[in-house]
Amino acid sequence: MEESSLESKTLTVKTGSTISLAKGMEFSQRKEATLHIKNFALAQGKCAATCPAKSGGNNTLYVCSSKTPCSFYVQLIKSQRQNKFDYHISSLNFNHEGCSGSVKVTASQVAAMSTAAAAVHANSALDGPSLQDKIKALEGVHVPTRMMYRVRETLLEDTALDYAEGCKRVHSLLTLFQRGNPTAHVATEYSADKRFRRAFLSHPDVRILGETSQMVLGLDGAFLKHKGAANIMLILVGRNGNLENVILAVAICPSEGEDNCAWFVRCCESAGIGVSSLPVFSDRGSGIIASARSLQLDLHYCTRHIIGNMKTKFRGQVTQYMENWMWSVQGAVSQSEFDSKIEAFAIGSPETADYVRNIDPARWALHQHVLSKKLYGWRTTNFVESKNTKALHARGRNPTLFFQFFMKKWMQTKFKRFEQARKWADSGKRVAPKARALMEEQAENARYHDISLSNGDIGFVCDMRGSPPTRRRVNLRERNCTCSFFYQYGIPCSHICSMLAYIKQPERVFDFFDRCYLVESYILANDVVTSNIELVLDDEIQVD
């Protein structure tokens, strides 16, 4: 049903509501006008879009998205009245003469539908396909599956409990999760006036993950994006044998100050994570540094953050060449190489060289640990920050939904990785694919090597590309090589690969991988048969 005149038209949509468009219609924001015009076209079974070629300044032209010329258009004008801007329709044509267009809905239109919001508000567990079916039945509009999932996430944020209400459910949620997953560690704290202060949650499998992953950690903080509070998220990340990140623990805290960082580390220790005994990579935030000092952590600075600090201090002076130089200084494998690189650079940029000299090399330079501490090639906290980015949806929610996000993520990731590991095992793989790829890169260099055997287990491998050539000692019985790669990564280096090929025992190469890279370790870390993760049902969560 429709009612119209030359300057106005009213349509009745499937839900029984009406939508009108008229010359002179006013809007307070362009975004509001755009949504209304697109919804009107949607009610006509068409799709309206902005015409960039004929829009600009105070004028915005909306046309039909038809591939053939269509007569439909709406002209929106921005004007100023009494020191306030508003928008009004100056001219329009409702008709779609010559049109070949069809319905094409946008995510913002679907999110604005009252039926969609009501469905998600009534059942936050409603999945994308189910919501898709409801919109089709109630609105008569087909929404692509991927778009529907994005809309669902948006609506979950918009219709979620407010921050204060979410805070009241955190303790109940964490307690129930621990009840279903006894190996998880949880903690909640409230202020003297019983207001939520901070909360902690560890992965239920942190102990086995610690035993089957690289022996190094990453710690970082990020601001939460919920409009109801200015708290931060602290996150601890490890990495497994397939070079995949593993979120070991998360927390919500008032700030990234020393007290909160120290509390987070102590909670991690209580959960069974050996933070105090492992290298921990982080930025040079004052709170993290202070807590690391008081707790005697083996803290390592992110090289990328050091470069970022240099750009701030020496604004406009840090070129790409200087960045490359910093990476080469960090990767120097001896004290003499480290010093010579800084001395050479000091000739042209003494202030920058002095800045780098004043950073404790034990906290960031490889040569301090090249044959004494395994760092697995870690140089930055990029891997942690990538997890911060992927957790944007969680960071925009209240505390209850924040922790539920990670609980679900842990469960899904564990099952996915277990299924992946079973396929590797069934196909006869002994080490994780990404670890094997690193070994194969090393093996490519074998053709440049000259091997001299001392006995059946000891040999000297000389890389003939150098001037002079570089000689390394390999002891197969004791599983060691004097090169930095094998010690740092725990993956067979080019020298071990060369010697095994020389004595015609290449199949032994798998004996030289660290345990974390083995498929059997990957299966053990993600075994859902003996230990699966249980989620908390929404109707079980109580208000404190």
Foldseek 3Di string as FASTA:
>chain_A
DKDDDQFKIKAQFQLRDIAMDGAFDKFQDVVVVVLNVQVLQVRVQFGKDWDVVPDDDQWIKIDTPFPWDFQWIWIKGWDDDPNGIMIGTHDTDPGGPPGPGGDDDALVNLLPDPQLLVVCLVPVPDDQVNSQVSCCVNRVDGDDSVSSRVSSLVSCLVNPDAQQQLLLQQVLQQVVQCVQLVLKFKDWDADPVRGGFKMKIFDSLQQLQCVQAPQEKEWEKAFFAAPRAGWIKIWIWTAFLLRAIDTGMMMIHRDLAQVVLLVHVVSCVVSPHPQQVGEYEYAVDPNNVVNCVVSVGNAAYALVNVLVVVCVVVPPPCDPVNSVLSVVLQADQAPVSNVVSLVVCCVPPVVVSVSVVPPPSSRAHCNVPLQPHAPQPDRHNVSVVVVVVVLNSLSHHHPNSNVLVVLVVSQVVLVVLLVVLVVCVVVPHWFRPNLVVVLVVQLVQLVQWDWDAPDPFWIWIWRVPDVNIDIKIGGRVVLDIPGRNCNHNQADGNRNCNVCVVVVNNVCRSVSHPSSGTSVSSNVSRPCVVPGRDRDDPVSGDRD
